[in-house]
Amino acid sequence: MATKKKARDDDTSNKVVARNRKARHDYLIEDTVEAGLVLMGTEVKSLRMGRASLVDGFASEQNGELWLEGVHIPEYVQGTWTNHAARRKRKLLMHRHEIDKLIRKSQEAGHTLIPLELYFKDGRVKVEIALAKGKKQYDKRETLRRRTDEREAERAMQVRLKRGG
């Protein structure tokens, strides 16, 4: 009996629902923390269907707690009148010392808290929150240029190795 439960848990273990790929382009990531989320049942069902968007998401502090805002979890298709609002604020679940540390660091100039990834871990929804600093336009261009140069160098090495071998 326990093996069936374990097999079911493995299906949802560390299943990524949404990634904020643009965040690594727009921000310099300084620190990351895993946090739980307070969700309604229809939100969890919608996430199990693989539907969410972290693009406009950010975390803010209110009364000593962290709240995730701007994350879009669409309404559950088979939901009834108990369905959730798609862009409602959701409470982040973290230890007090982690919350205090993130609040303190995010109040520095140019820093913000953004979600990087939304995923299931052992059947529970987790979000990876990053302490980030916004990049300037020239920093973004520099990053793209460096990535392109590395890709071209790697490609040239592969061509060279194929000819030599």
Protein backbone atom coordinates (compact mmCIF):
# COMPACT_ATOMS: atom_id res chain seq x y z
CA MET A 1 0.00 0.00 0.00
CA ALA A 2 2.83 2.41 0.85
CA THR A 3 4.50 1.78 -2.52
CA LYS A 4 1.45 3.08 -4.41
CA LYS A 5 1.46 6.30 -2.38
CA LYS A 6 5.19 6.73 -2.93
CA ALA A 7 4.81 6.19 -6.68
CA ARG A 8 2.07 8.83 -6.82
CA ASP A 9 4.22 11.32 -4.88
CA ASP A 10 7.15 10.78 -7.25
CA ASP A 11 4.99 11.94 -10.17
CA THR A 12 4.53 15.41 -8.67
CA SER A 13 7.88 15.65 -6.87
CA ASN A 14 9.85 18.69 -8.09
CA LYS A 15 7.56 19.26 -11.08
CA VAL A 16 8.18 22.77 -12.40
CA VAL A 17 4.95 24.60 -13.24
CA ALA A 18 6.31 28.01 -14.31
CA ARG A 19 9.66 29.76 -14.75
CA ASN A 20 10.40 33.46 -14.98
CA ARG A 21 13.11 33.26 -17.65
CA LYS A 22 13.04 36.99 -18.33
CA ALA A 23 14.01 37.70 -14.70
CA ARG A 24 17.60 36.54 -15.22
CA HIS A 25 17.84 38.90 -18.20
CA ASP A 26 16.34 41.93 -16.45
CA TYR A 27 17.85 41.45 -12.97
CA LEU A 28 21.13 40.55 -11.33
CA ILE A 29 20.21 37.70 -8.96
CA GLU A 30 21.97 38.04 -5.59
CA ASP A 31 20.25 35.47 -3.37
CA THR A 32 17.49 32.85 -3.70
CA VAL A 33 15.15 31.36 -1.11
CA GLU A 34 12.48 28.66 -1.29
CA ALA A 35 9.09 29.57 0.18
CA GLY A 36 5.73 27.91 0.52
CA LEU A 37 2.47 29.51 -0.65
CA VAL A 38 -0.96 29.80 0.92
CA LEU A 39 -3.31 28.70 -1.88
CA MET A 40 -6.96 27.83 -2.41
CA GLY A 41 -7.95 24.40 -3.71
CA THR A 42 -8.81 25.63 -7.19
CA GLU A 43 -5.40 27.31 -7.46
CA VAL A 44 -3.65 24.02 -6.73
CA LYS A 45 -5.79 22.22 -9.32
CA SER A 46 -5.00 24.89 -11.90
CA LEU A 47 -1.27 24.58 -11.11
CA ARG A 48 -1.44 20.78 -11.45
CA MET A 49 -2.68 21.40 -14.99
CA GLY A 50 0.55 23.34 -15.54
CA ARG A 51 -0.98 26.80 -15.87
CA ALA A 52 0.71 29.85 -14.32
CA SER A 53 2.69 32.95 -15.25
CA LEU A 54 5.37 34.63 -13.13
CA VAL A 55 6.24 37.42 -15.59
CA ASP A 56 4.80 40.38 -13.66
CA GLY A 57 5.27 38.87 -10.21
CA PHE A 58 6.99 40.42 -7.22
CA ALA A 59 6.99 40.06 -3.44
CA SER A 60 6.15 42.87 -1.05
CA GLU A 61 6.15 43.31 2.71
CA GLN A 62 3.03 44.13 4.71
CA ASN A 63 2.85 43.99 8.52
CA GLY A 64 6.05 41.95 8.75
CA GLU A 65 4.84 39.31 6.27
CA LEU A 66 5.81 38.71 2.64
CA TRP A 67 3.10 38.59 -0.01
CA LEU A 68 3.42 37.41 -3.62
CA GLU A 69 1.67 39.79 -6.01
CA GLY A 70 1.15 39.93 -9.77
CA VAL A 71 1.46 36.17 -10.31
CA HIS A 72 -1.22 34.93 -12.68
CA ILE A 73 -2.80 31.57 -11.88
CA PRO A 74 -5.79 31.23 -14.22
CA GLU A 75 -9.16 30.13 -12.90
CA TYR A 76 -9.73 26.39 -12.70
CA VAL A 77 -11.78 25.33 -15.74
CA GLN A 78 -14.09 22.97 -13.82
CA GLY A 79 -14.33 25.36 -10.86
CA THR A 80 -17.67 26.67 -9.61
CA TRP A 81 -18.57 29.87 -7.78
CA THR A 82 -15.77 29.03 -5.30
CA ASN A 83 -13.12 29.71 -7.96
CA HIS A 84 -10.23 32.05 -7.09
CA ALA A 85 -9.27 35.45 -8.49
CA ALA A 86 -6.47 35.00 -11.05
CA ARG A 87 -4.12 37.76 -9.77
CA ARG A 88 -4.85 37.84 -6.04
CA LYS A 89 -2.17 38.39 -3.39
CA ARG A 90 -0.80 35.17 -1.92
CA LYS A 91 0.99 34.86 1.41
CA LEU A 92 4.52 33.43 1.39
CA LEU A 93 5.38 30.88 4.08
CA MET A 94 8.91 31.25 5.45
CA HIS A 95 10.75 31.27 8.76
CA ARG A 96 10.74 34.60 10.61
CA HIS A 97 14.53 35.07 10.34
CA GLU A 98 14.38 34.51 6.55
CA ILE A 99 11.55 37.03 6.19
CA ASP A 100 13.39 39.63 8.27
CA LYS A 101 16.61 39.12 6.30
CA LEU A 102 14.84 39.48 2.92
CA ILE A 103 12.87 42.55 4.04
CA ARG A 104 16.05 44.22 5.29
CA LYS A 105 17.96 43.51 2.08
CA SER A 106 15.08 44.44 -0.24
CA GLN A 107 14.84 47.90 1.32
CA GLU A 108 18.30 48.76 -0.03
CA ALA A 109 18.28 50.97 -3.11
CA GLY A 110 17.56 49.16 -6.37
CA HIS A 111 16.70 45.80 -4.80
CA THR A 112 13.46 43.88 -5.20
CA LEU A 113 12.04 40.41 -4.53
CA ILE A 114 10.93 38.48 -7.61
CA PRO A 115 9.71 34.91 -8.18
CA LEU A 116 11.97 32.77 -10.36
CA GLU A 117 10.21 29.41 -10.34
CA LEU A 118 6.92 27.87 -9.22
CA TYR A 119 7.00 24.12 -8.66
CA PHE A 120 5.65 21.15 -6.73
CA LYS A 121 7.95 19.62 -4.14
CA ASP A 122 6.66 16.48 -2.41
CA GLY A 123 3.09 17.43 -3.33
CA ARG A 124 3.31 20.99 -2.01
CA VAL A 125 3.56 24.16 -4.07
CA LYS A 126 6.82 26.05 -3.59
CA VAL A 127 8.12 29.26 -5.11
CA GLU A 128 11.76 30.26 -5.50
CA ILE A 129 12.08 33.91 -4.50
CA ALA A 130 15.16 35.90 -5.54
CA LEU A 131 16.64 39.04 -4.08
CA ALA A 132 17.50 40.91 -7.26
CA LYS A 133 18.90 44.21 -8.42
CA GLY A 134 17.68 45.72 -11.67
CA LYS A 135 20.13 45.80 -14.57
CA LYS A 136 20.72 48.88 -16.65
CA GLN A 137 20.25 48.66 -20.41
CA TYR A 138 24.00 48.54 -21.07
CA ASP A 139 24.36 45.67 -18.56
CA LYS A 140 21.74 43.69 -20.47
CA ARG A 141 23.58 44.28 -23.75
CA GLU A 142 26.88 43.28 -22.13
CA THR A 143 25.36 40.03 -20.87
CA LEU A 144 23.93 39.20 -24.30
CA ARG A 145 27.26 40.02 -25.97
CA ARG A 146 29.19 37.83 -23.52
CA ARG A 147 26.74 34.93 -23.96
CA THR A 148 26.98 35.21 -27.76
CA ASP A 149 30.80 35.26 -27.62
CA GLU A 150 30.85 32.17 -25.39
CA ARG A 151 28.45 30.35 -27.72
CA GLU A 152 30.58 31.20 -30.78
CA ALA A 153 33.76 30.10 -29.02
CA GLU A 154 32.13 26.81 -28.02
CA ARG A 155 30.93 26.27 -31.58
CA ALA A 156 34.43 26.99 -32.97
CA MET A 157 35.94 24.49 -30.51
CA GLN A 158 33.44 21.81 -31.59
CA VAL A 159 34.27 22.40 -35.27
CA ARG A 160 38.01 22.29 -34.49
CA LEU A 161 37.66 19.04 -32.53
CA LYS A 162 35.64 17.40 -35.33
CA ARG A 163 38.29 18.29 -37.93
CA GLY A 164 41.18 17.19 -35.73
CA GLY A 165 39.57 13.88 -34.70
